[in-house]
C-alpha atoms as a PDB file:
ATOM      1  CA  MET A   1     -53.089  80.130 113.632  1.00  0.00           C
ATOM      2  CA  PRO A   2     -54.948  76.787 113.560  1.00  0.00           C
ATOM      3  CA  LEU A   3     -53.280  73.752 111.963  1.00  0.00           C
ATOM      4  CA  GLY A   4     -55.980  73.686 109.278  1.00  0.00           C
ATOM      5  CA  ALA A   5     -54.888  77.121 108.102  1.00  0.00           C
ATOM      6  CA  ALA A   6     -51.336  75.855 107.655  1.00  0.00           C
ATOM      7  CA  ARG A   7     -52.606  73.055 105.425  1.00  0.00           C
ATOM      8  CA  PHE A   8     -54.111  75.649 103.109  1.00  0.00           C
ATOM      9  CA  GLY A   9     -50.864  77.650 102.927  1.00  0.00           C
ATOM     10  CA  LEU A  10     -52.088  80.565 105.016  1.00  0.00           C
ATOM     11  CA  LEU A  11     -48.930  80.670 107.117  1.00  0.00           C
ATOM     12  CA  GLY A  12     -45.980  82.672 105.841  1.00  0.00           C
ATOM     13  CA  GLY A  13     -43.051  80.574 104.593  1.00  0.00           C
ATOM     14  CA  VAL A  14     -45.090  77.434 103.872  1.00  0.00           C
ATOM     15  CA  ALA A  15     -43.962  75.758 100.643  1.00  0.00           C
ATOM     16  CA  ASP A  16     -46.341  75.542  97.695  1.00  0.00           C
ATOM     17  CA  LEU A  17     -46.118  71.772  97.291  1.00  0.00           C
ATOM     18  CA  GLY A  18     -46.784  70.399  93.837  1.00  0.00           C
ATOM     19  CA  LYS A  19     -46.231  73.754  92.132  1.00  0.00           C
ATOM     20  CA  LEU A  20     -44.741  73.612  88.636  1.00  0.00           C
ATOM     21  CA  GLU A  21     -41.638  75.795  88.406  1.00  0.00           C
ATOM     22  CA  LEU A  22     -40.398  76.518  84.884  1.00  0.00           C
ATOM     23  CA  ILE A  23     -36.758  75.568  84.377  1.00  0.00           C
ATOM     24  CA  GLN A  24     -36.426  76.198  80.638  1.00  0.00           C
ATOM     25  CA  THR A  25     -38.386  76.448  77.380  1.00  0.00           C
ATOM     26  CA  GLN A  26     -36.719  75.697  74.038  1.00  0.00           C
ATOM     27  CA  THR A  27     -38.107  76.031  70.530  1.00  0.00           C
ATOM     28  CA  ALA A  28     -36.798  73.671  67.865  1.00  0.00           C
ATOM     29  CA  SER A  29     -36.686  74.788  64.252  1.00  0.00           C
ATOM     30  CA  SER A  30     -35.248  72.109  61.977  1.00  0.00           C
ATOM     31  CA  ASP A  31     -33.132  70.717  64.831  1.00  0.00           C
ATOM     32  CA  SER A  32     -32.058  67.102  65.225  1.00  0.00           C
ATOM     33  CA  ALA A  33     -31.944  67.376  69.040  1.00  0.00           C
ATOM     34  CA  LEU A  34     -32.676  69.657  71.988  1.00  0.00           C
ATOM     35  CA  ASN A  35     -30.502  69.367  75.083  1.00  0.00           C
ATOM     36  CA  PHE A  36     -31.642  70.375  78.556  1.00  0.00           C
ATOM     37  CA  THR A  37     -28.385  70.434  80.502  1.00  0.00           C
ATOM     38  CA  SER A  38     -29.322  72.686  83.437  1.00  0.00           C
ATOM     39  CA  ILE A  39     -32.235  70.779  84.977  1.00  0.00           C
ATOM     40  CA  ASP A  40     -31.779  71.662  88.673  1.00  0.00           C
ATOM     41  CA  GLU A  41     -31.571  67.956  89.524  1.00  0.00           C
ATOM     42  CA  SER A  42     -30.431  68.684  93.087  1.00  0.00           C
ATOM     43  CA  THR A  43     -33.555  70.802  93.683  1.00  0.00           C
ATOM     44  CA  TYR A  44     -36.270  68.638  92.099  1.00  0.00           C
ATOM     45  CA  ASN A  45     -36.946  64.937  92.537  1.00  0.00           C
ATOM     46  CA  VAL A  46     -39.717  65.070  89.902  1.00  0.00           C
ATOM     47  CA  HIS A  47     -39.492  66.857  86.537  1.00  0.00           C
ATOM     48  CA  PHE A  48     -42.384  67.499  84.145  1.00  0.00           C
ATOM     49  CA  MET A  49     -41.969  68.171  80.407  1.00  0.00           C
ATOM     50  CA  THR A  50     -44.510  69.404  77.863  1.00  0.00           C
ATOM     51  CA  ILE A  51     -43.881  68.964  74.142  1.00  0.00           C
ATOM     52  CA  ASN A  52     -46.102  70.932  71.757  1.00  0.00           C
ATOM     53  CA  ASN A  53     -46.653  70.820  68.008  1.00  0.00           C
ATOM     54  CA  ILE A  54     -43.749  68.551  67.123  1.00  0.00           C
ATOM     55  CA  ASP A  55     -43.427  68.391  63.349  1.00  0.00           C
ATOM     56  CA  VAL A  56     -40.792  66.029  61.918  1.00  0.00           C
ATOM     57  CA  SER A  57     -39.039  66.223  58.556  1.00  0.00           C
ATOM     58  CA  ASN A  58     -39.088  62.454  57.875  1.00  0.00           C
ATOM     59  CA  ASN A  59     -42.302  60.450  57.785  1.00  0.00           C
ATOM     60  CA  GLY A  60     -42.366  57.773  60.477  1.00  0.00           C
ATOM     61  CA  ALA A  61     -39.628  59.370  62.583  1.00  0.00           C
ATOM     62  CA  ASP A  62     -39.787  58.654  66.306  1.00  0.00           C
ATOM     63  CA  MET A  63     -39.091  61.202  69.027  1.00  0.00           C
ATOM     64  CA  ASN A  64     -36.930  59.809  71.826  1.00  0.00           C
ATOM     65  CA  PHE A  65     -35.057  60.767  74.996  1.00  0.00           C
ATOM     66  CA  ARG A  66     -31.539  60.083  76.200  1.00  0.00           C
ATOM     67  CA  LEU A  67     -30.203  61.066  79.612  1.00  0.00           C
ATOM     68  CA  TYR A  68     -26.964  62.739  80.639  1.00  0.00           C
ATOM     69  CA  GLU A  69     -25.143  61.081  83.548  1.00  0.00           C
ATOM     70  CA  SER A  70     -22.713  63.518  85.183  1.00  0.00           C
ATOM     71  CA  GLY A  71     -22.498  65.426  81.896  1.00  0.00           C
ATOM     72  CA  VAL A  72     -22.042  62.361  79.649  1.00  0.00           C
ATOM     73  CA  LEU A  73     -24.854  61.374  77.251  1.00  0.00           C
ATOM     74  CA  GLU A  74     -25.824  57.710  77.815  1.00  0.00           C
ATOM     75  CA  THR A  75     -26.145  56.115  74.351  1.00  0.00           C
ATOM     76  CA  ALA A  76     -25.594  52.421  75.161  1.00  0.00           C
ATOM     77  CA  SER A  77     -28.343  49.776  74.992  1.00  0.00           C
ATOM     78  CA  VAL A  78     -29.162  50.073  78.691  1.00  0.00           C
ATOM     79  CA  TYR A  79     -32.601  51.706  78.693  1.00  0.00           C
ATOM     80  CA  GLN A  80     -35.764  49.675  79.252  1.00  0.00           C
ATOM     81  CA  SER A  81     -39.244  50.719  78.147  1.00  0.00           C
ATOM     82  CA  ALA A  82     -42.756  49.549  77.403  1.00  0.00           C
ATOM     83  CA  TYR A  83     -45.609  51.445  75.786  1.00  0.00           C
ATOM     84  CA  GLN A  84     -49.003  50.945  74.140  1.00  0.00           C
ATOM     85  CA  GLN A  85     -50.759  52.798  71.334  1.00  0.00           C
ATOM     86  CA  GLN A  86     -54.431  52.958  70.353  1.00  0.00           C
ATOM     87  CA  TRP A  87     -55.371  54.156  66.878  1.00  0.00           C
ATOM     88  CA  ALA A  88     -58.708  55.870  66.256  1.00  0.00           C
ATOM     89  CA  SER A  89     -59.419  53.074  63.760  1.00  0.00           C
ATOM     90  CA  GLY A  90     -59.284  50.513  66.590  1.00  0.00           C
ATOM     91  CA  PHE A  91     -55.800  49.103  65.961  1.00  0.00           C
ATOM     92  CA  VAL A  92     -53.831  48.505  69.180  1.00  0.00           C
ATOM     93  CA  ASN A  93     -50.059  48.176  69.322  1.00  0.00           C
ATOM     94  CA  GLU A  94     -47.645  47.476  72.157  1.00  0.00           C
ATOM     95  CA  ASN A  95     -43.893  47.640  72.213  1.00  0.00           C
ATOM     96  CA  LYS A  96     -41.388  46.674  74.880  1.00  0.00           C
ATOM     97  CA  SER A  97     -37.637  46.224  75.209  1.00  0.00           C
ATOM     98  CA  THR A  98     -34.965  45.695  77.850  1.00  0.00           C
ATOM     99  CA  GLY A  99     -32.117  46.883  75.633  1.00  0.00           C
ATOM    100  CA  ARG A 100     -32.869  50.213  73.970  1.00  0.00           C
ATOM    101  CA  THR A 101     -30.472  53.075  73.322  1.00  0.00           C
ATOM    102  CA  PHE A 102     -33.233  55.566  74.278  1.00  0.00           C
ATOM    103  CA  LEU A 103     -36.433  56.183  76.216  1.00  0.00           C
ATOM    104  CA  VAL A 104     -39.595  56.538  74.099  1.00  0.00           C
ATOM    105  CA  CYS A 105     -41.127  60.006  73.770  1.00  0.00           C
ATOM    106  CA  ASN A 106     -43.650  59.130  71.039  1.00  0.00           C
ATOM    107  CA  ALA A 107     -43.592  56.843  68.049  1.00  0.00           C
ATOM    108  CA  SER A 108     -44.088  57.088  64.284  1.00  0.00           C
ATOM    109  CA  THR A 109     -44.810  60.757  63.811  1.00  0.00           C
ATOM    110  CA  GLY A 110     -45.948  61.806  60.348  1.00  0.00           C
ATOM    111  CA  ASN A 111     -44.495  64.668  58.293  1.00  0.00           C
ATOM    112  CA  GLY A 112     -47.519  65.673  56.215  1.00  0.00           C
ATOM    113  CA  THR A 113     -49.760  68.716  56.557  1.00  0.00           C
ATOM    114  CA  ASN A 114     -51.185  68.998  60.094  1.00  0.00           C
ATOM    115  CA  GLU A 115     -49.306  65.874  61.244  1.00  0.00           C
ATOM    116  CA  THR A 116     -47.994  66.904  64.642  1.00  0.00           C
ATOM    117  CA  SER A 117     -47.656  65.392  68.089  1.00  0.00           C
ATOM    118  CA  GLN A 118     -48.378  66.656  71.587  1.00  0.00           C
ATOM    119  CA  SER A 119     -47.140  64.986  74.761  1.00  0.00           C
ATOM    120  CA  TYR A 120     -46.271  65.299  78.422  1.00  0.00           C
ATOM    121  CA  HIS A 121     -43.723  63.388  80.453  1.00  0.00           C
ATOM    122  CA  TYR A 122     -42.674  62.892  84.057  1.00  0.00           C
ATOM    123  CA  PHE A 123     -39.094  62.100  85.089  1.00  0.00           C
ATOM    124  CA  TYR A 124     -38.324  60.733  88.559  1.00  0.00           C
ATOM    125  CA  ASN A 125     -35.138  60.534  90.690  1.00  0.00           C
ATOM    126  CA  LEU A 126     -32.876  62.145  88.090  1.00  0.00           C
ATOM    127  CA  GLY A 127     -30.537  63.756  90.609  1.00  0.00           C
ATOM    128  CA  ASP A 128     -30.544  60.904  93.131  1.00  0.00           C
ATOM    129  CA  SER A 129     -27.398  58.826  92.569  1.00  0.00           C
ATOM    130  CA  SER A 130     -28.743  56.044  94.810  1.00  0.00           C
ATOM    131  CA  LYS A 131     -31.858  55.382  92.664  1.00  0.00           C
ATOM    132  CA  TYR A 132     -32.772  54.423  89.117  1.00  0.00           C
ATOM    133  CA  SER A 133     -34.166  57.183  86.871  1.00  0.00           C
ATOM    134  CA  PHE A 134     -37.742  56.638  85.624  1.00  0.00           C
ATOM    135  CA  GLN A 135     -39.858  58.312  82.943  1.00  0.00           C
ATOM    136  CA  THR A 136     -43.546  58.140  81.963  1.00  0.00           C
ATOM    137  CA  SER A 137     -45.079  59.410  78.698  1.00  0.00           C
ATOM    138  CA  HIS A 138     -48.533  60.310  77.410  1.00  0.00           C
ATOM    139  CA  TYR A 139     -48.888  61.431  73.800  1.00  0.00           C
ATOM    140  CA  LEU A 140     -51.263  62.108  70.921  1.00  0.00           C
ATOM    141  CA  VAL A 141     -50.072  61.950  67.321  1.00  0.00           C
ATOM    142  CA  MET A 142     -51.972  63.233  64.283  1.00  0.00           C
ATOM    143  CA  TYR A 143     -50.869  60.941  61.474  1.00  0.00           C
ATOM    144  CA  THR A 144     -51.595  60.529  57.744  1.00  0.00           C
ATOM    145  CA  GLY A 145     -54.093  63.332  57.459  1.00  0.00           C
ATOM    146  CA  ALA A 146     -57.205  62.604  59.508  1.00  0.00           C
ATOM    147  CA  SER A 147     -55.957  59.556  61.442  1.00  0.00           C
ATOM    148  CA  PHE A 148     -54.514  59.797  64.923  1.00  0.00           C
ATOM    149  CA  PHE A 149     -53.344  57.629  67.778  1.00  0.00           C
ATOM    150  CA  VAL A 150     -52.738  58.033  71.473  1.00  0.00           C
ATOM    151  CA  GLY A 151     -50.106  56.289  73.549  1.00  0.00           C
ATOM    152  CA  PHE A 152     -48.699  55.899  76.995  1.00  0.00           C
ATOM    153  CA  GLY A 153     -45.665  54.180  78.411  1.00  0.00           C
ATOM    154  CA  SER A 154     -42.808  54.145  80.854  1.00  0.00           C
ATOM    155  CA  GLY A 155     -39.085  53.656  80.827  1.00  0.00           C
ATOM    156  CA  VAL A 156     -36.147  53.340  83.154  1.00  0.00           C
ATOM    157  CA  LEU A 157     -32.411  53.880  83.138  1.00  0.00           C
ATOM    158  CA  PRO A 158     -31.559  50.962  85.458  1.00  0.00           C
ATOM    159  CA  GLN A 159     -28.323  52.445  86.732  1.00  0.00           C
ATOM    160  CA  THR A 160     -27.706  54.321  89.960  1.00  0.00           C
ATOM    161  CA  SER A 161     -26.241  57.557  88.675  1.00  0.00           C
ATOM    162  CA  THR A 162     -26.737  61.304  88.854  1.00  0.00           C
ATOM    163  CA  VAL A 163     -28.748  62.329  85.796  1.00  0.00           C
ATOM    164  CA  ASP A 164     -28.112  66.007  85.107  1.00  0.00           C
ATOM    165  CA  GLY A 165     -29.528  66.446  81.609  1.00  0.00           C
ATOM    166  CA  ILE A 166     -32.196  65.314  79.152  1.00  0.00           C
ATOM    167  CA  GLN A 167     -31.878  65.116  75.374  1.00  0.00           C
ATOM    168  CA  LEU A 168     -34.928  65.032  73.078  1.00  0.00           C
ATOM    169  CA  TYR A 169     -34.058  63.922  69.545  1.00  0.00           C
ATOM    170  CA  SER A 170     -35.567  62.692  66.296  1.00  0.00           C
ATOM    171  CA  SER A 171     -34.716  59.163  65.144  1.00  0.00           C
ATOM    172  CA  ALA A 172     -34.521  60.418  61.532  1.00  0.00           C
ATOM    173  CA  GLY A 173     -34.119  63.927  60.193  1.00  0.00           C
ATOM    174  CA  THR A 174     -35.058  67.103  62.030  1.00  0.00           C
ATOM    175  CA  PHE A 175     -38.029  68.452  63.953  1.00  0.00           C
ATOM    176  CA  SER A 176     -39.705  71.676  65.014  1.00  0.00           C
ATOM    177  CA  GLY A 177     -41.808  72.434  68.081  1.00  0.00           C
ATOM    178  CA  THR A 178     -41.793  73.874  71.588  1.00  0.00           C
ATOM    179  CA  VAL A 179     -40.532  71.999  74.663  1.00  0.00           C
ATOM    180  CA  SER A 180     -40.800  73.176  78.277  1.00  0.00           C
ATOM    181  CA  LEU A 181     -39.156  71.561  81.305  1.00  0.00           C
ATOM    182  CA  TYR A 182     -40.511  72.149  84.826  1.00  0.00           C
ATOM    183  CA  GLY A 183     -39.513  71.079  88.294  1.00  0.00           C
ATOM    184  CA  ILE A 184     -42.227  70.080  90.766  1.00  0.00           C
ATOM    185  CA  ALA A 185     -41.812  71.707  94.180  1.00  0.00           C
ATOM    186  CA  GLU A 186     -41.776  69.159  97.006  1.00  0.00           C
ATOM    187  CA  SER A 187     -40.577  71.047 100.050  1.00  0.00           C
END
């Protein structure tokens, strides 16, 4: 078979590079946190997470991540992150820190009628104990009725460790919504 055919996956046994492979879906219902503790970190170098229809119990609550290192949740002020937000009204906000106790998922979610958030996130190098673990976020938040904002940002756990779990939690109160974690096939 010609080499070009192999590039299109026409040969048997050729990996489907870039394919999303579902690891786990969890649905929160008045939970303070969701823990993904079986993330197949030795199989995937890149993880992808979708977060749908997050509804928080406390107005202004943030949704954040913490990472498990060899089964232990890292809660110290070691995370670094930076993100920007753009409101539909034109207001722009940026936030950055080199000493957080979390990675940012999205910020200032409302708890009124139809105030929900949607987001997707990439995580890199989680299972590689010789590299830092990175995360990127993109989110949209419906807030205070008809107003909304969008945001994007990145974060890092600047420690060489094996990350084998991800926690999503609310900074205040509880939340509901659906969260799916995927691995991205690379070989």
